[in-house]
Amino acid sequence: CACSFLDTDRALVLLEEYCKKLRKPEEQQLKKAIRKVMGIFKSSLFQALLGSFTKKATKQGTISHSSLPAAVVFDVLGCPKD
């Protein structure tokens, strides 16, 4: 679904904006972690997994568009969806 990729792009923009606000020395570890997450979001592997998950979940009717980001996180991390 192209919507998922647009959501990922929007998340990257928001994360970048947030990183720009992290200037204090004690915030640098968080900034580094966020940059790692951003790198993962930009990776071709993540994009392929997101596309595969989206197709599977949409076909099964298990998620709606609005719950897609949370569903992807829960699926990847193995967290309960409740």
PDB file of N, CA and C in Angstrom:
ATOM      1  N   CYS A   1       0.842  -1.189   0.000  1.00  0.00           N
ATOM      2  CA  CYS A   1       0.000   0.000   0.000  1.00  0.00           C
ATOM      3  C   CYS A   1       0.885   1.250   0.000  1.00  0.00           C
ATOM      4  N   ALA A   2       0.682   2.134  -0.918  1.00  0.00           N
ATOM      5  CA  ALA A   2       1.478   3.360  -0.985  1.00  0.00           C
ATOM      6  C   ALA A   2       1.273   4.209   0.250  1.00  0.00           C
ATOM      7  N   CYS A   3       0.111   4.094   0.880  1.00  0.00           N
ATOM      8  CA  CYS A   3      -0.164   4.874   2.092  1.00  0.00           C
ATOM      9  C   CYS A   3       0.842   4.555   3.183  1.00  0.00           C
ATOM     10  N   SER A   4       1.235   3.313   3.316  1.00  0.00           N
ATOM     11  CA  SER A   4       2.181   2.900   4.353  1.00  0.00           C
ATOM     12  C   SER A   4       3.533   3.561   4.150  1.00  0.00           C
ATOM     13  N   PHE A   5       3.947   3.652   2.886  1.00  0.00           N
ATOM     14  CA  PHE A   5       5.233   4.272   2.599  1.00  0.00           C
ATOM     15  C   PHE A   5       5.170   5.768   2.856  1.00  0.00           C
ATOM     16  N   LEU A   6       4.012   6.383   2.576  1.00  0.00           N
ATOM     17  CA  LEU A   6       3.842   7.796   2.880  1.00  0.00           C
ATOM     18  C   LEU A   6       3.862   8.014   4.392  1.00  0.00           C
ATOM     19  N   ASP A   7       3.264   7.099   5.151  1.00  0.00           N
ATOM     20  CA  ASP A   7       3.285   7.188   6.606  1.00  0.00           C
ATOM     21  C   ASP A   7       4.714   7.087   7.125  1.00  0.00           C
ATOM     22  N   THR A   8       5.504   6.214   6.531  1.00  0.00           N
ATOM     23  CA  THR A   8       6.901   6.061   6.925  1.00  0.00           C
ATOM     24  C   THR A   8       7.668   7.348   6.642  1.00  0.00           C
ATOM     25  N   ASP A   9       7.438   7.931   5.477  1.00  0.00           N
ATOM     26  CA  ASP A   9       8.096   9.191   5.138  1.00  0.00           C
ATOM     27  C   ASP A   9       7.713  10.284   6.125  1.00  0.00           C
ATOM     28  N   ARG A  10       6.451  10.341   6.485  1.00  0.00           N
ATOM     29  CA  ARG A  10       5.975  11.352   7.451  1.00  0.00           C
ATOM     30  C   ARG A  10       6.628  11.111   8.810  1.00  0.00           C
ATOM     31  N   ALA A  11       6.729   9.862   9.220  1.00  0.00           N
ATOM     32  CA  ALA A  11       7.384   9.545  10.493  1.00  0.00           C
ATOM     33  C   ALA A  11       8.840   9.984  10.472  1.00  0.00           C
ATOM     34  N   LEU A  12       9.512   9.774   9.355  1.00  0.00           N
ATOM     35  CA  LEU A  12      10.914  10.190   9.231  1.00  0.00           C
ATOM     36  C   LEU A  12      11.054  11.705   9.348  1.00  0.00           C
ATOM     37  N   VAL A  13      10.144  12.438   8.742  1.00  0.00           N
ATOM     38  CA  VAL A  13      10.172  13.904   8.834  1.00  0.00           C
ATOM     39  C   VAL A  13       9.978  14.338  10.281  1.00  0.00           C
ATOM     40  N   LEU A  14       9.014  13.733  10.957  1.00  0.00           N
ATOM     41  CA  LEU A  14       8.747  14.088  12.355  1.00  0.00           C
ATOM     42  C   LEU A  14       9.926  13.732  13.257  1.00  0.00           C
ATOM     43  N   LEU A  15      10.534  12.578  13.021  1.00  0.00           N
ATOM     44  CA  LEU A  15      11.698  12.187  13.820  1.00  0.00           C
ATOM     45  C   LEU A  15      12.867  13.138  13.590  1.00  0.00           C
ATOM     46  N   GLU A  16      13.067  13.546  12.355  1.00  0.00           N
ATOM     47  CA  GLU A  16      14.142  14.487  12.037  1.00  0.00           C
ATOM     48  C   GLU A  16      13.907  15.827  12.735  1.00  0.00           C
ATOM     49  N   GLU A  17      12.666  16.299  12.710  1.00  0.00           N
ATOM     50  CA  GLU A  17      12.336  17.553  13.389  1.00  0.00           C
ATOM     51  C   GLU A  17      12.595  17.441  14.889  1.00  0.00           C
ATOM     52  N   TYR A  18      12.222  16.306  15.459  1.00  0.00           N
ATOM     53  CA  TYR A  18      12.435  16.092  16.892  1.00  0.00           C
ATOM     54  C   TYR A  18      13.930  16.052  17.216  1.00  0.00           C
ATOM     55  N   CYS A  19      14.708  15.384  16.371  1.00  0.00           N
ATOM     56  CA  CYS A  19      16.159  15.289  16.590  1.00  0.00           C
ATOM     57  C   CYS A  19      16.814  16.662  16.612  1.00  0.00           C
ATOM     58  N   LYS A  20      16.334  17.552  15.783  1.00  0.00           N
ATOM     59  CA  LYS A  20      16.894  18.904  15.732  1.00  0.00           C
ATOM     60  C   LYS A  20      16.717  19.643  17.063  1.00  0.00           C
ATOM     61  N   LYS A  21      15.711  19.245  17.829  1.00  0.00           N
ATOM     62  CA  LYS A  21      15.442  19.889  19.120  1.00  0.00           C
ATOM     63  C   LYS A  21      16.293  19.314  20.254  1.00  0.00           C
ATOM     64  N   LEU A  22      16.920  18.172  20.007  1.00  0.00           N
ATOM     65  CA  LEU A  22      17.725  17.512  21.035  1.00  0.00           C
ATOM     66  C   LEU A  22      19.141  18.066  20.998  1.00  0.00           C
ATOM     67  N   ARG A  23      19.423  19.015  21.873  1.00  0.00           N
ATOM     68  CA  ARG A  23      20.716  19.688  21.860  1.00  0.00           C
ATOM     69  C   ARG A  23      21.505  19.516  23.154  1.00  0.00           C
ATOM     70  N   LYS A  24      20.824  19.183  24.219  1.00  0.00           N
ATOM     71  CA  LYS A  24      21.497  19.057  25.512  1.00  0.00           C
ATOM     72  C   LYS A  24      22.372  17.806  25.520  1.00  0.00           C
ATOM     73  N   PRO A  25      23.463  17.846  26.265  1.00  0.00           N
ATOM     74  CA  PRO A  25      24.353  16.674  26.327  1.00  0.00           C
ATOM     75  C   PRO A  25      23.636  15.398  26.768  1.00  0.00           C
ATOM     76  N   GLU A  26      22.717  15.522  27.713  1.00  0.00           N
ATOM     77  CA  GLU A  26      22.016  14.332  28.209  1.00  0.00           C
ATOM     78  C   GLU A  26      20.999  13.788  27.197  1.00  0.00           C
ATOM     79  N   GLU A  27      20.730  14.532  26.133  1.00  0.00           N
ATOM     80  CA  GLU A  27      19.793  14.089  25.105  1.00  0.00           C
ATOM     81  C   GLU A  27      20.487  13.416  23.913  1.00  0.00           C
ATOM     82  N   GLN A  28      21.801  13.401  23.920  1.00  0.00           N
ATOM     83  CA  GLN A  28      22.537  12.883  22.763  1.00  0.00           C
ATOM     84  C   GLN A  28      22.387  11.376  22.591  1.00  0.00           C
ATOM     85  N   GLN A  29      22.242  10.649  23.678  1.00  0.00           N
ATOM     86  CA  GLN A  29      22.032   9.206  23.564  1.00  0.00           C
ATOM     87  C   GLN A  29      20.676   8.928  22.907  1.00  0.00           C
ATOM     88  N   LEU A  30      19.657   9.681  23.298  1.00  0.00           N
ATOM     89  CA  LEU A  30      18.337   9.543  22.681  1.00  0.00           C
ATOM     90  C   LEU A  30      18.408   9.910  21.200  1.00  0.00           C
ATOM     91  N   LYS A  31      19.112  10.982  20.890  1.00  0.00           N
ATOM     92  CA  LYS A  31      19.259  11.419  19.504  1.00  0.00           C
ATOM     93  C   LYS A  31      19.932  10.329  18.662  1.00  0.00           C
ATOM     94  N   LYS A  32      20.947   9.704  19.217  1.00  0.00           N
ATOM     95  CA  LYS A  32      21.646   8.625  18.514  1.00  0.00           C
ATOM     96  C   LYS A  32      20.702   7.446  18.255  1.00  0.00           C
ATOM     97  N   ALA A  33      19.890   7.103  19.256  1.00  0.00           N
ATOM     98  CA  ALA A  33      18.944   5.992  19.114  1.00  0.00           C
ATOM     99  C   ALA A  33      17.887   6.310  18.053  1.00  0.00           C
ATOM    100  N   ILE A  34      17.403   7.539  18.057  1.00  0.00           N
ATOM    101  CA  ILE A  34      16.406   7.943  17.065  1.00  0.00           C
ATOM    102  C   ILE A  34      17.002   7.883  15.667  1.00  0.00           C
ATOM    103  N   ARG A  35      18.239   8.297  15.524  1.00  0.00           N
ATOM    104  CA  ARG A  35      18.900   8.243  14.207  1.00  0.00           C
ATOM    105  C   ARG A  35      19.042   6.792  13.733  1.00  0.00           C
ATOM    106  N   LYS A  36      19.279   5.861  14.665  1.00  0.00           N
ATOM    107  CA  LYS A  36      19.342   4.444  14.292  1.00  0.00           C
ATOM    108  C   LYS A  36      17.987   3.969  13.773  1.00  0.00           C
ATOM    109  N   VAL A  37      16.925   4.361  14.468  1.00  0.00           N
ATOM    110  CA  VAL A  37      15.573   3.991  14.040  1.00  0.00           C
ATOM    111  C   VAL A  37      15.290   4.568  12.652  1.00  0.00           C
ATOM    112  N   MET A  38      15.707   5.803  12.446  1.00  0.00           N
ATOM    113  CA  MET A  38      15.510   6.433  11.142  1.00  0.00           C
ATOM    114  C   MET A  38      16.236   5.655  10.046  1.00  0.00           C
ATOM    115  N   GLY A  39      17.433   5.190  10.355  1.00  0.00           N
ATOM    116  CA  GLY A  39      18.180   4.382   9.399  1.00  0.00           C
ATOM    117  C   GLY A  39      17.459   3.088   9.064  1.00  0.00           C
ATOM    118  N   ILE A  40      16.850   2.496  10.064  1.00  0.00           N
ATOM    119  CA  ILE A  40      16.076   1.270   9.849  1.00  0.00           C
ATOM    120  C   ILE A  40      14.873   1.558   8.960  1.00  0.00           C
ATOM    121  N   PHE A  41      14.150   2.645   9.264  1.00  0.00           N
ATOM    122  CA  PHE A  41      12.980   3.011   8.457  1.00  0.00           C
ATOM    123  C   PHE A  41      13.358   3.243   6.998  1.00  0.00           C
ATOM    124  N   LYS A  42      14.546   3.755   6.757  1.00  0.00           N
ATOM    125  CA  LYS A  42      14.996   4.057   5.395  1.00  0.00           C
ATOM    126  C   LYS A  42      15.518   2.824   4.664  1.00  0.00           C
ATOM    127  N   SER A  43      15.784   1.752   5.388  1.00  0.00           N
ATOM    128  CA  SER A  43      16.386   0.573   4.768  1.00  0.00           C
ATOM    129  C   SER A  43      15.418  -0.128   3.819  1.00  0.00           C
ATOM    130  N   SER A  44      15.989  -0.717   2.796  1.00  0.00           N
ATOM    131  CA  SER A  44      15.161  -1.446   1.833  1.00  0.00           C
ATOM    132  C   SER A  44      14.529  -2.675   2.481  1.00  0.00           C
ATOM    133  N   LEU A  45      15.203  -3.277   3.441  1.00  0.00           N
ATOM    134  CA  LEU A  45      14.630  -4.435   4.137  1.00  0.00           C
ATOM    135  C   LEU A  45      13.371  -4.035   4.893  1.00  0.00           C
ATOM    136  N   PHE A  46      13.417  -2.930   5.635  1.00  0.00           N
ATOM    137  CA  PHE A  46      12.237  -2.479   6.374  1.00  0.00           C
ATOM    138  C   PHE A  46      11.095  -2.169   5.415  1.00  0.00           C
ATOM    139  N   GLN A  47      11.405  -1.480   4.319  1.00  0.00           N
ATOM    140  CA  GLN A  47      10.363  -1.137   3.355  1.00  0.00           C
ATOM    141  C   GLN A  47       9.736  -2.397   2.755  1.00  0.00           C
ATOM    142  N   ALA A  48      10.551  -3.404   2.484  1.00  0.00           N
ATOM    143  CA  ALA A  48      10.034  -4.664   1.943  1.00  0.00           C
ATOM    144  C   ALA A  48       9.163  -5.375   2.970  1.00  0.00           C
ATOM    145  N   LEU A  49       9.608  -5.398   4.225  1.00  0.00           N
ATOM    146  CA  LEU A  49       8.818  -6.029   5.280  1.00  0.00           C
ATOM    147  C   LEU A  49       7.509  -5.294   5.502  1.00  0.00           C
ATOM    148  N   LEU A  50       7.548  -3.996   5.482  1.00  0.00           N
ATOM    149  CA  LEU A  50       6.342  -3.194   5.652  1.00  0.00           C
ATOM    150  C   LEU A  50       5.359  -3.461   4.522  1.00  0.00           C
ATOM    151  N   GLY A  51       5.869  -3.509   3.312  1.00  0.00           N
ATOM    152  CA  GLY A  51       5.011  -3.795   2.170  1.00  0.00           C
ATOM    153  C   GLY A  51       4.397  -5.177   2.251  1.00  0.00           C
ATOM    154  N   SER A  52       5.192  -6.159   2.646  1.00  0.00           N
ATOM    155  CA  SER A  52       4.702  -7.530   2.781  1.00  0.00           C
ATOM    156  C   SER A  52       3.661  -7.639   3.879  1.00  0.00           C
ATOM    157  N   PHE A  53       3.940  -7.013   5.020  1.00  0.00           N
ATOM    158  CA  PHE A  53       3.002  -7.049   6.143  1.00  0.00           C
ATOM    159  C   PHE A  53       1.698  -6.365   5.768  1.00  0.00           C
ATOM    160  N   THR A  54       1.803  -5.235   5.088  1.00  0.00           N
ATOM    161  CA  THR A  54       0.618  -4.473   4.701  1.00  0.00           C
ATOM    162  C   THR A  54      -0.273  -5.292   3.787  1.00  0.00           C
ATOM    163  N   LYS A  55       0.328  -5.931   2.776  1.00  0.00           N
ATOM    164  CA  LYS A  55      -0.452  -6.755   1.852  1.00  0.00           C
ATOM    165  C   LYS A  55      -1.137  -7.900   2.581  1.00  0.00           C
ATOM    166  N   LYS A  56      -0.392  -8.573   3.454  1.00  0.00           N
ATOM    167  CA  LYS A  56      -0.932  -9.714   4.194  1.00  0.00           C
ATOM    168  C   LYS A  56      -2.069  -9.282   5.116  1.00  0.00           C
ATOM    169  N   ALA A  57      -1.852  -8.232   5.889  1.00  0.00           N
ATOM    170  CA  ALA A  57      -2.842  -7.784   6.856  1.00  0.00           C
ATOM    171  C   ALA A  57      -4.075  -7.212   6.172  1.00  0.00           C
ATOM    172  N   THR A  58      -3.875  -6.501   5.089  1.00  0.00           N
ATOM    173  CA  THR A  58      -5.000  -5.923   4.368  1.00  0.00           C
ATOM    174  C   THR A  58      -5.841  -7.021   3.734  1.00  0.00           C
ATOM    175  N   LYS A  59      -5.160  -8.018   3.161  1.00  0.00           N
ATOM    176  CA  LYS A  59      -5.864  -9.140   2.534  1.00  0.00           C
ATOM    177  C   LYS A  59      -6.703  -9.892   3.568  1.00  0.00           C
ATOM    178  N   GLN A  60      -6.152 -10.061   4.778  1.00  0.00           N
ATOM    179  CA  GLN A  60      -6.857 -10.781   5.834  1.00  0.00           C
ATOM    180  C   GLN A  60      -7.898  -9.909   6.525  1.00  0.00           C
ATOM    181  N   GLY A  61      -7.839  -8.607   6.275  1.00  0.00           N
ATOM    182  CA  GLY A  61      -8.784  -7.697   6.914  1.00  0.00           C
ATOM    183  C   GLY A  61      -8.539  -7.540   8.397  1.00  0.00           C
ATOM    184  N   THR A  62      -7.289  -7.795   8.850  1.00  0.00           N
ATOM    185  CA  THR A  62      -7.005  -7.767  10.283  1.00  0.00           C
ATOM    186  C   THR A  62      -6.679  -6.381  10.808  1.00  0.00           C
ATOM    187  N   ILE A  63      -6.375  -5.450   9.912  1.00  0.00           N
ATOM    188  CA  ILE A  63      -6.056  -4.103  10.371  1.00  0.00           C
ATOM    189  C   ILE A  63      -6.690  -3.071   9.461  1.00  0.00           C
ATOM    190  N   SER A  64      -6.918  -1.920  10.013  1.00  0.00           N
ATOM    191  CA  SER A  64      -7.379  -0.802   9.215  1.00  0.00           C
ATOM    192  C   SER A  64      -6.181   0.087   8.927  1.00  0.00           C
ATOM    193  N   HIS A  65      -6.327   1.006   8.002  1.00  0.00           N
ATOM    194  CA  HIS A  65      -5.223   1.911   7.669  1.00  0.00           C
ATOM    195  C   HIS A  65      -4.771   2.690   8.904  1.00  0.00           C
ATOM    196  N   SER A  66      -5.710   3.154   9.717  1.00  0.00           N
ATOM    197  CA  SER A  66      -5.355   3.990  10.866  1.00  0.00           C
ATOM    198  C   SER A  66      -4.556   3.236  11.927  1.00  0.00           C
ATOM    199  N   SER A  67      -4.707   1.925  11.988  1.00  0.00           N
ATOM    200  CA  SER A  67      -3.978   1.151  13.001  1.00  0.00           C
ATOM    201  C   SER A  67      -2.715   0.510  12.433  1.00  0.00           C
ATOM    202  N   LEU A  68      -2.394   0.770  11.169  1.00  0.00           N
ATOM    203  CA  LEU A  68      -1.258   0.124  10.524  1.00  0.00           C
ATOM    204  C   LEU A  68       0.067   0.357  11.243  1.00  0.00           C
ATOM    205  N   PRO A  69       0.458   1.594  11.569  1.00  0.00           N
ATOM    206  CA  PRO A  69       1.759   1.774  12.221  1.00  0.00           C
ATOM    207  C   PRO A  69       1.889   0.986  13.523  1.00  0.00           C
ATOM    208  N   ALA A  70       0.867   1.009  14.348  1.00  0.00           N
ATOM    209  CA  ALA A  70       0.915   0.259  15.603  1.00  0.00           C
ATOM    210  C   ALA A  70       0.971  -1.237  15.340  1.00  0.00           C
ATOM    211  N   ALA A  71       0.214  -1.706  14.366  1.00  0.00           N
ATOM    212  CA  ALA A  71       0.197  -3.131  14.054  1.00  0.00           C
ATOM    213  C   ALA A  71       1.560  -3.605  13.579  1.00  0.00           C
ATOM    214  N   VAL A  72       2.239  -2.799  12.781  1.00  0.00           N
ATOM    215  CA  VAL A  72       3.572  -3.167  12.300  1.00  0.00           C
ATOM    216  C   VAL A  72       4.537  -3.271  13.472  1.00  0.00           C
ATOM    217  N   VAL A  73       4.501  -2.290  14.357  1.00  0.00           N
ATOM    218  CA  VAL A  73       5.390  -2.310  15.519  1.00  0.00           C
ATOM    219  C   VAL A  73       5.118  -3.535  16.374  1.00  0.00           C
ATOM    220  N   PHE A  74       3.848  -3.806  16.663  1.00  0.00           N
ATOM    221  CA  PHE A  74       3.513  -4.964  17.490  1.00  0.00           C
ATOM    222  C   PHE A  74       3.956  -6.259  16.838  1.00  0.00           C
ATOM    223  N   ASP A  75       3.773  -6.371  15.517  1.00  0.00           N
ATOM    224  CA  ASP A  75       4.152  -7.577  14.813  1.00  0.00           C
ATOM    225  C   ASP A  75       5.655  -7.777  14.831  1.00  0.00           C
ATOM    226  N   VAL A  76       6.409  -6.724  14.555  1.00  0.00           N
ATOM    227  CA  VAL A  76       7.866  -6.818  14.519  1.00  0.00           C
ATOM    228  C   VAL A  76       8.435  -7.116  15.901  1.00  0.00           C
ATOM    229  N   LEU A  77       7.870  -6.485  16.931  1.00  0.00           N
ATOM    230  CA  LEU A  77       8.389  -6.673  18.281  1.00  0.00           C
ATOM    231  C   LEU A  77       7.801  -7.886  18.988  1.00  0.00           C
ATOM    232  N   GLY A  78       6.749  -8.451  18.423  1.00  0.00           N
ATOM    233  CA  GLY A  78       6.120  -9.607  19.046  1.00  0.00           C
ATOM    234  C   GLY A  78       5.308  -9.238  20.269  1.00  0.00           C
ATOM    235  N   CYS A  79       4.804  -8.021  20.308  1.00  0.00           N
ATOM    236  CA  CYS A  79       4.030  -7.543  21.454  1.00  0.00           C
ATOM    237  C   CYS A  79       2.570  -7.934  21.287  1.00  0.00           C
ATOM    238  N   PRO A  80       1.865  -8.101  22.407  1.00  0.00           N
ATOM    239  CA  PRO A  80       0.425  -8.339  22.306  1.00  0.00           C
ATOM    240  C   PRO A  80      -0.263  -7.099  21.751  1.00  0.00           C
ATOM    241  N   LYS A  81      -1.319  -7.276  20.996  1.00  0.00           N
ATOM    242  CA  LYS A  81      -1.989  -6.158  20.344  1.00  0.00           C
ATOM    243  C   LYS A  81      -3.073  -5.527  21.212  1.00  0.00           C
ATOM    244  N   ASP A  82      -3.298  -6.015  22.400  1.00  0.00           N
ATOM    245  CA  ASP A  82      -4.334  -5.466  23.288  1.00  0.00           C
ATOM    246  C   ASP A  82      -3.825  -4.288  24.077  1.00  0.00           C
TER     247      ASP A  82
END
